[in-house]
Amino acid sequence: MVRDPICGMPVDSEKTEFKVNFWGVTYYFCSEYCMHRFLKGPKIAYFSMEIGIKSEIPTYSGGLGVLAGDTIRSAADLKLPLIAVTLVSRKGYLRQKITEHGEQLEYPEEWEPSRFMKLLPATVTVKVGGREIKIGVWLYEQQSPTGGVVPLLFLDTDLEENSPEDRGITDFLYGGDERYRLKQEIVLGIGGVRILEALNFNVRKYHMNEGHSGLLTLELLKRNEMNVEKVKNLCVFTTHTPVEAAFDKFPYDIVQELLGEGFPIEVLKKYGGQDKLNMTLLALNLSKYINGVTKIHMKYSRKLFPGYHIRTITNGIHPYTWTCQYFKELFHKYIQGWANEPELLVRVDVIPNEEAWEAHVKAKNDLIDFVNKRTNVKMDVETLTLGFARRATSYKRATLIFSDSEKLREANRKGRIQLIFAGKAHPRDKAGKEIIKEIYSYKAQLENEIRIVYLENYNMEIAAKLTSGVDVWLNTPLPPFEASGTSGMKAAINGVINFSVLDGWWMEGCIEGVTGWAIGPPPHESIGEDEKRKREIEDLYGKLHYIIIPKFYKNRDYWINMMKNSIGKIAYYFNTHRMMRRYATEAYL
């Protein structure tokens, strides 16, 4: 028996008369209606520069791409008519090596699409810098046990018909200079719309996950006789940063050079900004539905872009993907149906304390074994373990916990702690690379007192081990730069307790002393920046010394109750099933 990809009904593949061969794959249906909807029904085209499906397909750099992957997984589970469009990024983001002194070395992370995907016969062309560039497309199918299927289209310019320079456009994720990046965004936005047409998809909405795909709006304008209202009704835009400096902007001389006369410069300036082509502004001006990714991010976005009706849909994580096997077994035993109805996790109190703790200890054992095999730092399972894994960049403040080494030592004397770090710095982010070196320096200083490791080449596989195996998840961004953050949500579904600065999603998830602990004052409190930093340091060391360490070592029942609160009061809500239902009812319909 197989499942109908539209309704999820069981179908006998030997007996049904409703089947179709599509892209070399046979699909089976319970009725002619479902078969017709599969072939001709309206789709939501989800565009994202990066998508994290699995570690072996390195087409993601961090949170944005992993969120996109979770979005697609939940869409398949919920049988939403989604199709995703991204770049193949044949050489990945970067493969990270770290020297003994903490210096990051970068190498291409090359992979072969044919191992995981099917090359489709359809091709399209786009004009870039006066040259016709041919674009091919690989198909990957995200299939759900519910029967739902989401096709992922990976655009590829590495075709024999293209020049060596143009063949490399889809090589490196976020690589190269401004010209390289704009070429990629032309391929993604304009080429993506054209490939969907070539494959005969009936697209109802175009969802831009961040501004990288914003040029699709120009292609839609051309196809709709420059009817702005029609295009706006076709487009959904999700912004993921509260920092204007982080938006993609391109000088108009480069834009004209690469786009040519196909898109009048006055149109670009009208919708994308007068000084430079601002991809976020372009997407804002040509989308009817616009949203931020947390409530606080919505507020900052409204300040950045006054006059725009920006709504909010708080991010989430895919429940089944990020739950370790030991908690999966517990949830299957006590909360049946949780994987597709994660709101049922609110019933977590039915799980006996001793079984919840046993599941956590097993996950922690797996992590510590993994760390000890990969490093020469011998960690142990009994020690309170804090995890910090982020993109290595200044505003994430990975070294905040080392602000006062003596206070950290005092906390360690109260009860032993060990620290696990991970994260890649962008090749051009010198400050981010310095942060990794700083952590290595502190590691050396504290070598005989506190065990510290930095795991190299952070990916989805390592993220899953870390977020399920540590005891406390540490997050110390500089507000308001954390638009959302999702790693703490991954930790919560595994009963790991969050200890975080009040920014992004933690503003909605934190109930002090119940779901975790806050570091520093809430952002709306009217105090100076110096006072905020002082309060953060006080909270960081004070709560670690006087609350977290004593509770972990001396009050196991209290700790387990907080673990359960992480599951029942955080994970039940901060998931992509809830998120995608919101998108479906508010943005797509």
Protein backbone atom coordinates (compact mmCIF):
# COMPACT_ATOMS: atom_id res chain seq x y z
CA MET A 1 0.00 0.00 0.00
CA VAL A 2 1.09 3.57 -0.77
CA ARG A 3 -0.42 6.90 0.20
CA ASP A 4 -2.19 9.39 -2.04
CA PRO A 5 0.10 12.50 -2.00
CA ILE A 6 -2.92 14.83 -2.00
CA CYS A 7 -5.27 13.39 0.63
CA GLY A 8 -3.03 10.84 2.35
CA MET A 9 -5.47 7.95 1.83
CA PRO A 10 -3.95 4.45 1.55
CA VAL A 11 -3.95 3.28 -2.08
CA ASP A 12 -3.35 -0.18 -3.53
CA SER A 13 -0.80 0.55 -6.25
CA GLU A 14 -1.68 -2.72 -8.05
CA LYS A 15 -5.42 -2.00 -8.28
CA THR A 16 -5.89 1.74 -8.62
CA GLU A 17 -6.62 3.09 -12.08
CA PHE A 18 -5.47 6.59 -11.06
CA LYS A 19 -1.74 6.87 -11.49
CA VAL A 20 0.64 9.10 -13.34
CA ASN A 21 4.32 9.09 -14.21
CA PHE A 22 5.71 12.50 -13.35
CA TRP A 23 9.45 13.35 -13.67
CA GLY A 24 10.21 9.64 -13.89
CA VAL A 25 8.36 8.82 -10.65
CA THR A 26 4.99 7.04 -10.50
CA TYR A 27 2.37 8.49 -8.17
CA TYR A 28 -0.84 6.72 -7.16
CA PHE A 29 -4.17 8.30 -6.25
CA CYS A 30 -7.44 7.26 -4.69
CA SER A 31 -9.52 9.29 -7.16
CA GLU A 32 -9.43 11.24 -10.39
CA TYR A 33 -9.98 14.42 -8.36
CA CYS A 34 -6.76 13.94 -6.37
CA MET A 35 -4.82 13.05 -9.51
CA HIS A 36 -6.05 16.23 -11.22
CA ARG A 37 -5.16 18.36 -8.19
CA PHE A 38 -1.68 16.87 -8.16
CA LEU A 39 -1.11 17.70 -11.82
CA LYS A 40 -3.01 20.97 -12.23
CA GLY A 41 -3.78 22.27 -8.74
CA PRO A 42 -2.43 25.66 -7.63
CA LYS A 43 0.95 25.60 -5.87
CA ILE A 44 2.82 27.86 -3.49
CA ALA A 45 6.30 28.53 -4.88
CA TYR A 46 8.71 28.92 -1.95
CA PHE A 47 11.96 30.67 -2.91
CA SER A 48 15.01 30.53 -0.65
CA MET A 49 18.69 31.11 -1.45
CA GLU A 50 19.57 28.29 0.96
CA ILE A 51 17.71 25.17 2.06
CA GLY A 52 18.95 22.67 4.65
CA ILE A 53 17.56 19.22 3.89
CA LYS A 54 20.36 17.06 5.26
CA SER A 55 24.05 17.41 6.14
CA GLU A 56 25.08 15.51 3.01
CA ILE A 57 23.45 18.19 0.85
CA PRO A 58 25.39 21.29 2.02
CA THR A 59 23.12 23.91 0.43
CA TYR A 60 22.70 25.89 3.65
CA SER A 61 24.88 28.10 5.85
CA GLY A 62 22.85 28.35 9.03
CA GLY A 63 19.49 29.22 10.54
CA LEU A 64 17.80 30.62 7.42
CA GLY A 65 18.48 27.48 5.39
CA VAL A 66 17.65 25.07 8.20
CA LEU A 67 14.37 26.92 8.78
CA ALA A 68 13.62 26.56 5.05
CA GLY A 69 14.23 22.82 5.30
CA ASP A 70 11.93 22.55 8.31
CA THR A 71 9.31 24.59 6.45
CA ILE A 72 9.40 22.09 3.59
CA ARG A 73 9.25 19.07 5.91
CA SER A 74 6.18 20.42 7.69
CA ALA A 75 4.54 21.35 4.37
CA ALA A 76 4.98 17.72 3.27
CA ASP A 77 3.59 16.41 6.58
CA LEU A 78 0.57 18.71 6.29
CA LYS A 79 0.17 17.97 2.55
CA LEU A 80 0.37 21.65 1.64
CA PRO A 81 0.77 22.23 -2.13
CA LEU A 82 4.26 23.73 -1.82
CA ILE A 83 7.14 23.63 -4.29
CA ALA A 84 10.55 24.99 -3.31
CA VAL A 85 13.10 26.76 -5.51
CA THR A 86 16.76 27.25 -4.59
CA LEU A 87 20.30 27.08 -6.00
CA VAL A 88 22.28 23.86 -6.24
CA SER A 89 25.41 25.39 -4.59
CA ARG A 90 27.66 22.61 -5.87
CA LYS A 91 30.59 23.69 -3.69
CA GLY A 92 28.48 24.38 -0.63
CA TYR A 93 29.00 27.19 1.86
CA LEU A 94 32.33 26.15 3.34
CA ARG A 95 34.01 23.19 4.95
CA GLN A 96 35.62 24.46 8.14
CA LYS A 97 38.94 23.36 9.58
CA ILE A 98 40.27 24.97 12.76
CA THR A 99 43.97 24.99 13.63
CA GLU A 100 45.27 24.31 17.14
CA HIS A 101 45.41 28.09 17.66
CA GLY A 102 41.80 28.65 16.62
CA GLU A 103 42.38 29.91 13.09
CA GLN A 104 39.55 29.02 10.71
CA LEU A 105 40.53 27.55 7.36
CA GLU A 106 37.93 27.26 4.60
CA TYR A 107 37.61 24.71 1.83
CA PRO A 108 34.88 24.04 -0.75
CA GLU A 109 32.35 21.46 0.40
CA GLU A 110 31.83 19.82 -2.96
CA TRP A 111 29.02 17.34 -3.46
CA GLU A 112 27.43 15.53 -6.37
CA PRO A 113 23.72 16.32 -6.96
CA SER A 114 23.16 13.11 -8.94
CA ARG A 115 23.63 11.10 -5.72
CA PHE A 116 20.44 12.57 -4.26
CA MET A 117 18.45 14.10 -7.10
CA LYS A 118 17.09 13.61 -10.57
CA LEU A 119 18.13 15.93 -13.41
CA LEU A 120 15.01 17.14 -15.19
CA PRO A 121 14.96 17.72 -18.95
CA ALA A 122 13.62 21.28 -18.67
CA THR A 123 16.00 24.22 -19.12
CA VAL A 124 15.52 27.99 -19.37
CA THR A 125 17.74 30.94 -20.16
CA VAL A 126 18.33 34.31 -18.52
CA LYS A 127 20.32 37.21 -19.87
CA VAL A 128 23.17 38.29 -17.60
CA GLY A 129 25.73 40.88 -18.67
CA GLY A 130 24.57 40.62 -22.26
CA ARG A 131 25.04 36.84 -22.40
CA GLU A 132 22.37 34.15 -22.51
CA ILE A 133 22.92 31.78 -19.59
CA LYS A 134 21.28 28.39 -19.62
CA ILE A 135 19.81 27.05 -16.37
CA GLY A 136 19.14 23.41 -15.64
CA VAL A 137 17.21 21.99 -12.70
CA TRP A 138 17.58 19.07 -10.31
CA LEU A 139 14.59 17.55 -8.51
CA TYR A 140 14.65 16.37 -4.90
CA GLU A 141 11.43 15.13 -3.33
CA GLN A 142 10.70 15.60 0.35
CA GLN A 143 8.31 12.79 1.16
CA SER A 144 6.37 12.49 4.40
CA PRO A 145 4.98 9.38 6.11
CA THR A 146 1.59 11.11 5.81
CA GLY A 147 1.84 10.75 2.01
CA GLY A 148 2.58 14.41 1.35
CA VAL A 149 5.29 15.32 -1.15
CA VAL A 150 7.10 18.65 -1.65
CA PRO A 151 9.29 18.93 -4.76
CA LEU A 152 12.53 20.92 -4.37
CA LEU A 153 14.00 22.44 -7.50
CA PHE A 154 17.76 23.10 -7.40
CA LEU A 155 18.81 25.53 -10.15
CA ASP A 156 22.16 24.81 -11.83
CA THR A 157 24.24 26.79 -14.34
CA ASP A 158 27.02 24.19 -14.59
CA LEU A 159 26.01 23.24 -18.13
CA GLU A 160 28.25 22.66 -21.14
CA GLU A 161 26.48 25.41 -23.09
CA ASN A 162 27.66 28.07 -20.62
CA SER A 163 31.07 29.72 -20.39
CA PRO A 164 33.38 28.60 -17.54
CA GLU A 165 32.59 31.83 -15.66
CA ASP A 166 28.84 31.33 -15.97
CA ARG A 167 29.04 27.65 -15.08
CA GLY A 168 30.31 28.72 -11.66
CA ILE A 169 27.39 31.04 -10.80
CA THR A 170 25.63 28.35 -8.77
CA ASP A 171 28.81 26.98 -7.15
CA PHE A 172 29.27 28.80 -3.82
CA LEU A 173 26.54 29.76 -1.39
CA TYR A 174 27.06 33.44 -0.47
CA GLY A 175 30.42 33.41 -2.24
CA GLY A 176 32.20 35.94 -4.43
CA ASP A 177 31.76 39.69 -4.80
CA GLU A 178 28.70 41.90 -5.49
CA ARG A 179 28.60 40.87 -9.15
CA TYR A 180 28.68 37.20 -8.30
CA ARG A 181 25.93 37.60 -5.73
CA LEU A 182 23.70 39.59 -8.11
CA LYS A 183 24.20 36.97 -10.82
CA GLN A 184 23.05 34.32 -8.33
CA GLU A 185 19.99 36.36 -7.43
CA ILE A 186 19.12 36.81 -11.12
CA VAL A 187 19.30 33.04 -11.58
CA LEU A 188 17.26 32.38 -8.44
CA GLY A 189 14.54 35.02 -8.90
CA ILE A 190 14.13 35.38 -12.64
CA GLY A 191 15.37 31.92 -13.59
CA GLY A 192 13.23 30.36 -10.86
CA VAL A 193 10.00 31.87 -12.20
CA ARG A 194 10.89 30.71 -15.71
CA ILE A 195 11.72 27.16 -14.66
CA LEU A 196 8.37 26.86 -12.87
CA GLU A 197 6.64 27.92 -16.09
CA ALA A 198 8.73 25.48 -18.13
CA LEU A 199 7.63 22.67 -15.81
CA ASN A 200 3.95 23.71 -16.21
CA PHE A 201 3.31 24.51 -12.57
CA ASN A 202 0.19 26.45 -11.75
CA VAL A 203 1.59 28.92 -9.18
CA ARG A 204 -0.89 30.64 -6.89
CA LYS A 205 1.61 32.53 -4.70
CA TYR A 206 5.34 33.25 -4.72
CA HIS A 207 6.80 33.21 -1.20
CA MET A 208 10.17 34.96 -0.87
CA ASN A 209 12.09 33.66 2.14
CA GLU A 210 14.30 36.74 2.68
CA GLY A 211 15.13 39.25 -0.07
CA HIS A 212 17.61 37.20 -2.13
CA SER A 213 14.87 36.09 -4.54
CA GLY A 214 13.34 39.57 -4.83
CA LEU A 215 14.06 39.84 -8.57
CA LEU A 216 11.22 37.40 -9.19
CA THR A 217 8.93 40.42 -8.72
CA LEU A 218 10.44 42.04 -11.83
CA GLU A 219 9.80 38.93 -13.89
CA LEU A 220 6.21 38.87 -12.63
CA LEU A 221 5.77 42.54 -13.53
CA LYS A 222 6.85 41.80 -17.09
CA ARG A 223 4.47 38.85 -17.31
CA ASN A 224 1.57 40.89 -15.96
CA GLU A 225 1.92 44.01 -18.11
CA MET A 226 3.47 45.98 -15.23
CA ASN A 227 0.28 45.60 -13.17
CA VAL A 228 1.66 46.26 -9.69
CA GLU A 229 -1.50 45.29 -7.79
CA LYS A 230 -1.68 41.97 -9.57
CA VAL A 231 1.94 41.22 -8.75
CA LYS A 232 1.53 42.26 -5.11
CA ASN A 233 -1.38 39.84 -4.76
CA LEU A 234 0.87 37.06 -6.03
CA CYS A 235 3.73 37.73 -3.61
CA VAL A 236 4.45 36.90 0.03
CA PHE A 237 7.62 38.22 1.67
CA THR A 238 9.22 37.06 4.91
CA THR A 239 12.03 39.26 6.24
CA HIS A 240 14.54 37.70 8.64
CA THR A 241 16.73 40.54 9.83
CA PRO A 242 16.10 43.67 11.91
CA VAL A 243 19.33 45.28 10.68
CA GLU A 244 19.21 47.48 7.59
CA ALA A 245 22.94 47.06 6.99
CA ALA A 246 22.38 43.33 6.44
CA PHE A 247 20.00 43.79 3.49
CA ASP A 248 21.34 42.95 0.03
CA LYS A 249 22.03 46.19 -1.86
CA PHE A 250 23.57 46.55 -5.31
CA PRO A 251 24.95 49.70 -7.05
CA TYR A 252 22.89 50.59 -10.09
CA ASP A 253 25.88 50.57 -12.42
CA ILE A 254 26.36 46.87 -11.63
CA VAL A 255 22.60 46.27 -11.90
CA GLN A 256 22.48 47.89 -15.35
CA GLU A 257 25.57 46.01 -16.46
CA LEU A 258 24.14 42.62 -15.50
CA LEU A 259 20.40 43.08 -16.05
CA GLY A 260 20.75 45.23 -19.16
CA GLU A 261 17.76 46.90 -20.77
CA GLY A 262 15.35 44.11 -19.93
CA PHE A 263 14.24 45.89 -16.76
CA PRO A 264 13.96 49.71 -16.99
CA ILE A 265 16.13 51.45 -14.40
CA GLU A 266 13.33 53.85 -13.44
CA VAL A 267 11.15 50.87 -12.45
CA LEU A 268 13.96 49.43 -10.35
CA LYS A 269 14.51 52.76 -8.58
CA LYS A 270 10.81 53.25 -7.98
CA TYR A 271 10.40 49.94 -6.16
CA GLY A 272 13.95 49.10 -5.07
CA GLY A 273 15.31 52.45 -3.83
CA GLN A 274 16.91 55.49 -5.44
CA ASP A 275 20.53 55.07 -4.33
CA LYS A 276 21.03 51.32 -4.63
CA LEU A 277 18.86 48.36 -5.54
CA ASN A 278 17.71 47.23 -2.09
CA MET A 279 16.35 43.71 -2.42
CA THR A 280 14.37 43.94 0.82
CA LEU A 281 12.74 47.19 -0.30
CA LEU A 282 11.93 45.66 -3.69
CA ALA A 283 10.22 42.70 -2.02
CA LEU A 284 8.39 44.97 0.44
CA ASN A 285 7.03 47.21 -2.31
CA LEU A 286 5.81 44.35 -4.47
CA SER A 287 4.29 42.01 -1.88
CA LYS A 288 0.80 42.13 -0.41
CA TYR A 289 1.57 39.93 2.59
CA ILE A 290 4.73 40.83 4.56
CA ASN A 291 5.80 39.30 7.86
CA GLY A 292 8.56 39.25 10.41
CA VAL A 293 9.55 36.08 12.20
CA THR A 294 8.81 36.98 15.85
CA LYS A 295 6.65 39.58 17.54
CA ILE A 296 9.63 41.70 18.56
CA HIS A 297 11.12 41.42 15.07
CA MET A 298 7.84 42.68 13.62
CA LYS A 299 8.09 45.77 15.84
CA TYR A 300 11.68 46.49 14.78
CA SER A 301 10.78 45.95 11.12
CA ARG A 302 7.91 48.43 11.39
CA LYS A 303 10.37 51.00 12.77
CA LEU A 304 12.82 50.29 9.93
CA PHE A 305 10.09 50.50 7.30
CA PRO A 306 7.35 52.85 8.53
CA GLY A 307 4.19 52.78 6.48
CA TYR A 308 4.36 49.08 5.58
CA HIS A 309 1.83 46.67 7.05
CA ILE A 310 4.24 44.09 8.47
CA ARG A 311 2.70 41.17 10.33
CA THR A 312 4.26 38.37 12.33
CA ILE A 313 4.43 34.60 12.16
CA THR A 314 6.89 33.31 14.74
CA ASN A 315 9.36 30.73 13.46
CA GLY A 316 9.47 27.12 14.57
CA ILE A 317 11.34 23.85 14.08
CA HIS A 318 10.26 20.56 12.54
CA PRO A 319 9.35 18.42 15.56
CA TYR A 320 10.24 14.94 14.33
CA THR A 321 13.54 15.98 12.69
CA TRP A 322 14.98 17.64 15.79
CA THR A 323 13.78 15.21 18.48
CA CYS A 324 16.45 12.69 19.45
CA GLN A 325 15.59 9.00 19.26
CA TYR A 326 15.25 8.62 23.04
CA PHE A 327 12.61 11.32 23.39
CA LYS A 328 10.91 10.10 20.21
CA GLU A 329 10.49 6.73 21.90
CA LEU A 330 9.05 8.41 25.00
CA PHE A 331 6.66 10.58 22.99
CA HIS A 332 5.51 7.60 20.92
CA LYS A 333 4.85 5.68 24.14
CA TYR A 334 2.99 8.37 26.09
CA ILE A 335 1.80 11.01 23.57
CA GLN A 336 0.66 9.20 20.44
CA GLY A 337 0.23 11.41 17.38
CA TRP A 338 2.70 14.06 18.60
CA ALA A 339 4.78 14.07 15.41
CA ASN A 340 2.00 15.48 13.26
CA GLU A 341 0.17 17.20 16.11
CA PRO A 342 3.01 18.66 18.18
CA GLU A 343 0.53 20.68 20.24
CA LEU A 344 -0.13 17.35 22.03
CA LEU A 345 3.27 17.78 23.69
CA VAL A 346 1.44 19.98 26.19
CA ARG A 347 0.58 16.64 27.84
CA VAL A 348 4.23 15.94 28.66
CA ASP A 349 3.45 15.55 32.39
CA VAL A 350 2.18 12.02 31.69
CA ILE A 351 5.82 10.99 31.18
CA PRO A 352 7.36 9.74 34.46
CA ASN A 353 10.28 11.86 35.70
CA GLU A 354 12.71 8.97 35.82
CA GLU A 355 12.02 8.08 32.16
CA ALA A 356 12.46 11.68 31.03
CA TRP A 357 15.79 11.88 32.85
CA GLU A 358 16.92 8.54 31.46
CA ALA A 359 16.19 9.74 27.90
CA HIS A 360 18.21 12.90 28.52
CA VAL A 361 21.17 10.98 29.98
CA LYS A 362 21.26 8.70 26.93
CA ALA A 363 21.28 11.71 24.58
CA LYS A 364 24.00 13.32 26.68
CA ASN A 365 26.07 10.13 26.58
CA ASP A 366 25.85 10.14 22.78
CA LEU A 367 27.03 13.76 22.64
CA ILE A 368 29.90 13.30 25.10
CA ASP A 369 31.08 10.16 23.26
CA PHE A 370 30.98 12.13 19.99
CA VAL A 371 32.94 15.05 21.50
CA ASN A 372 35.55 12.81 23.08
CA LYS A 373 36.15 10.93 19.84
CA ARG A 374 36.63 14.16 17.88
CA THR A 375 38.71 16.14 20.38
CA ASN A 376 41.42 15.61 22.96
CA VAL A 377 39.27 17.19 25.68
CA LYS A 378 37.91 14.42 27.87
CA MET A 379 34.41 15.48 28.92
CA ASP A 380 32.22 13.49 31.27
CA VAL A 381 28.49 12.88 31.50
CA GLU A 382 28.09 13.89 35.15
CA THR A 383 29.24 17.49 34.62
CA LEU A 384 26.74 20.30 33.91
CA THR A 385 27.18 20.93 30.18
CA LEU A 386 26.39 24.22 28.43
CA GLY A 387 26.08 24.40 24.65
CA PHE A 388 26.56 27.39 22.34
CA ALA A 389 26.41 26.89 18.57
CA ARG A 390 25.84 29.82 16.23
CA ARG A 391 27.28 31.44 13.15
CA ALA A 392 30.52 32.98 14.42
CA THR A 393 29.84 36.69 14.08
CA SER A 394 30.13 39.67 16.41
CA TYR A 395 26.51 40.22 17.42
CA LYS A 396 26.09 36.60 18.56
CA ARG A 397 28.63 37.38 21.34
CA ALA A 398 29.90 33.83 21.80
CA THR A 399 32.55 35.09 24.26
CA LEU A 400 30.14 36.86 26.62
CA ILE A 401 30.43 34.01 29.11
CA PHE A 402 34.17 34.77 29.38
CA SER A 403 33.60 38.44 30.29
CA ASP A 404 34.82 37.82 33.85
CA SER A 405 37.07 34.77 34.09
CA GLU A 406 37.22 34.89 37.88
CA LYS A 407 33.42 34.80 38.21
CA LEU A 408 33.33 31.89 35.78
CA ARG A 409 35.91 30.11 37.93
CA GLU A 410 33.84 30.82 41.05
CA ALA A 411 30.78 29.28 39.40
CA ASN A 412 32.84 26.24 38.44
CA ARG A 413 33.96 25.84 42.05
CA LYS A 414 30.29 25.87 43.09
CA GLY A 415 29.64 22.93 40.75
CA ARG A 416 31.68 21.78 37.78
CA ILE A 417 30.70 23.00 34.31
CA GLN A 418 31.91 22.24 30.80
CA LEU A 419 31.32 24.23 27.61
CA ILE A 420 30.77 23.08 24.01
CA PHE A 421 30.96 25.63 21.17
CA ALA A 422 30.47 25.31 17.42
CA GLY A 423 29.86 27.57 14.44
CA LYS A 424 31.36 28.81 11.18
CA ALA A 425 32.48 32.34 10.37
CA HIS A 426 31.83 33.70 6.88
CA PRO A 427 35.12 33.74 4.93
CA ARG A 428 35.05 37.55 4.78
CA ASP A 429 34.01 38.04 8.42
CA LYS A 430 37.35 38.82 10.10
CA ALA A 431 35.67 39.70 13.40
CA GLY A 432 33.85 36.36 13.37
CA LYS A 433 37.12 34.50 12.85
CA GLU A 434 38.67 36.42 15.73
CA ILE A 435 35.86 35.22 17.99
CA ILE A 436 36.82 31.60 17.31
CA LYS A 437 40.46 32.42 18.14
CA GLU A 438 39.35 34.13 21.36
CA ILE A 439 37.45 31.03 22.46
CA TYR A 440 40.56 28.96 21.82
CA SER A 441 42.53 31.42 23.92
CA TYR A 442 40.08 31.09 26.84
CA LYS A 443 40.14 27.33 26.36
CA ALA A 444 43.91 27.39 26.92
CA GLN A 445 43.67 29.75 29.91
CA LEU A 446 41.09 27.58 31.67
CA GLU A 447 42.48 24.24 30.53
CA ASN A 448 43.13 22.83 34.00
CA GLU A 449 39.82 24.05 35.45
CA ILE A 450 36.97 24.06 32.92
CA ARG A 451 36.72 21.70 29.95
CA ILE A 452 35.97 23.64 26.76
CA VAL A 453 35.69 22.36 23.18
CA TYR A 454 35.01 24.00 19.83
CA LEU A 455 33.59 21.50 17.34
CA GLU A 456 34.67 22.25 13.78
CA ASN A 457 32.54 22.14 10.64
CA TYR A 458 29.19 22.64 12.39
CA ASN A 459 26.32 21.10 10.39
CA MET A 460 22.81 19.73 10.89
CA GLU A 461 24.08 16.39 12.21
CA ILE A 462 26.21 18.06 14.90
CA ALA A 463 23.38 20.49 15.68
CA ALA A 464 21.05 17.56 16.41
CA LYS A 465 23.57 15.99 18.79
CA LEU A 466 24.29 19.29 20.57
CA THR A 467 20.72 20.50 21.00
CA SER A 468 19.65 17.17 22.47
CA GLY A 469 22.75 16.34 24.52
CA VAL A 470 23.69 19.43 26.53
CA ASP A 471 21.95 20.35 29.78
CA VAL A 472 21.64 24.09 29.15
CA TRP A 473 21.40 25.95 25.84
CA LEU A 474 23.19 29.30 26.04
CA ASN A 475 22.31 32.20 23.72
CA THR A 476 23.76 35.69 24.14
CA PRO A 477 22.94 37.86 21.08
CA LEU A 478 23.17 41.63 21.17
CA PRO A 479 19.57 42.93 21.01
CA PRO A 480 17.86 43.66 18.67
CA PHE A 481 19.95 41.71 16.15
CA GLU A 482 18.43 38.26 16.80
CA ALA A 483 15.31 38.39 14.63
CA SER A 484 14.26 34.93 15.79
CA GLY A 485 16.80 32.18 16.40
CA THR A 486 15.61 28.56 16.35
CA SER A 487 18.39 26.52 17.98
CA GLY A 488 16.83 27.03 21.41
CA MET A 489 13.57 25.59 20.08
CA LYS A 490 15.48 22.47 18.98
CA ALA A 491 16.93 22.22 22.47
CA ALA A 492 13.53 22.63 24.13
CA ILE A 493 11.89 19.71 22.34
CA ASN A 494 14.64 17.51 23.82
CA GLY A 495 14.09 18.80 27.34
CA VAL A 496 17.20 21.01 27.26
CA ILE A 497 16.73 24.23 29.24
CA ASN A 498 17.31 27.65 27.65
CA PHE A 499 19.45 30.36 29.28
CA SER A 500 19.23 33.30 26.91
CA VAL A 501 19.25 37.04 26.35
CA LEU A 502 15.71 38.37 25.88
CA ASP A 503 15.65 38.82 22.12
CA GLY A 504 14.00 37.10 19.16
CA TRP A 505 11.80 34.10 19.96
CA TRP A 506 12.92 33.92 23.61
CA MET A 507 10.85 37.04 24.31
CA GLU A 508 7.81 34.85 23.62
CA GLY A 509 9.15 31.59 25.07
CA CYS A 510 10.69 32.67 28.37
CA ILE A 511 8.76 32.28 31.62
CA GLU A 512 11.47 33.02 34.18
CA GLY A 513 12.28 30.01 36.31
CA VAL A 514 9.61 27.93 34.55
CA THR A 515 10.72 27.41 30.94
CA GLY A 516 14.27 28.67 31.46
CA TRP A 517 16.14 31.79 32.49
CA ALA A 518 16.66 35.24 30.99
CA ILE A 519 19.99 37.03 30.72
CA GLY A 520 19.65 40.78 31.21
CA PRO A 521 16.68 43.14 31.05
CA PRO A 522 13.87 43.04 28.46
CA PRO A 523 14.57 45.30 25.46
CA HIS A 524 11.69 47.67 26.22
CA GLU A 525 13.20 48.64 29.59
CA SER A 526 14.43 52.25 29.35
CA ILE A 527 18.02 52.05 30.54
CA GLY A 528 21.32 52.89 28.87
CA GLU A 529 23.43 50.45 26.91
CA ASP A 530 26.14 50.32 29.58
CA GLU A 531 23.57 49.47 32.24
CA LYS A 532 22.10 46.76 29.98
CA ARG A 533 25.53 45.17 29.54
CA LYS A 534 26.12 45.32 33.31
CA ARG A 535 22.76 43.63 33.98
CA GLU A 536 23.53 40.92 31.42
CA ILE A 537 26.84 40.08 33.08
CA GLU A 538 25.21 40.06 36.52
CA ASP A 539 22.47 37.70 35.34
CA LEU A 540 24.86 35.45 33.43
CA TYR A 541 27.13 34.75 36.37
CA GLY A 542 24.58 35.24 39.15
CA LYS A 543 22.00 32.81 37.79
CA LEU A 544 24.67 30.31 36.77
CA HIS A 545 26.24 30.41 40.25
CA TYR A 546 23.18 30.67 42.48
CA ILE A 547 20.37 28.99 40.51
CA ILE A 548 21.45 26.79 37.61
CA ILE A 549 24.37 24.95 39.19
CA PRO A 550 22.65 24.27 42.56
CA LYS A 551 19.41 23.13 40.89
CA PHE A 552 21.27 20.79 38.51
CA TYR A 553 23.37 19.12 41.19
CA LYS A 554 21.06 19.20 44.22
CA ASN A 555 17.43 19.32 43.06
CA ARG A 556 16.90 16.77 40.32
CA ASP A 557 13.07 16.88 40.50
CA TYR A 558 13.09 20.66 39.97
CA TRP A 559 15.40 20.22 36.99
CA ILE A 560 13.27 17.52 35.39
CA ASN A 561 10.13 19.64 35.85
CA MET A 562 11.87 22.46 33.95
CA MET A 563 12.85 19.97 31.25
CA LYS A 564 9.19 19.02 30.94
CA ASN A 565 8.19 22.69 30.85
CA SER A 566 10.61 23.15 27.94
CA ILE A 567 8.70 20.47 26.07
CA GLY A 568 5.15 21.22 27.20
CA LYS A 569 5.30 25.03 27.21
CA ILE A 570 7.80 25.69 24.38
CA ALA A 571 8.05 22.79 21.95
CA TYR A 572 4.27 22.34 21.73
CA TYR A 573 4.05 25.82 20.15
CA PHE A 574 7.41 26.76 18.58
CA ASN A 575 7.24 24.33 15.68
CA THR A 576 6.87 24.60 11.91
CA HIS A 577 3.55 22.73 11.88
CA ARG A 578 1.94 25.62 13.75
CA MET A 579 3.96 28.08 11.64
CA MET A 580 2.88 26.57 8.31
CA ARG A 581 -0.77 26.45 9.33
CA ARG A 582 -0.48 30.18 9.96
CA TYR A 583 1.11 30.79 6.56
CA ALA A 584 -1.54 28.65 4.87
CA THR A 585 -4.50 30.47 6.43
CA GLU A 586 -3.10 34.01 6.49
CA ALA A 587 -0.68 34.32 3.56
CA TYR A 588 -1.46 31.61 1.01
CA LEU A 589 -5.25 31.37 0.85
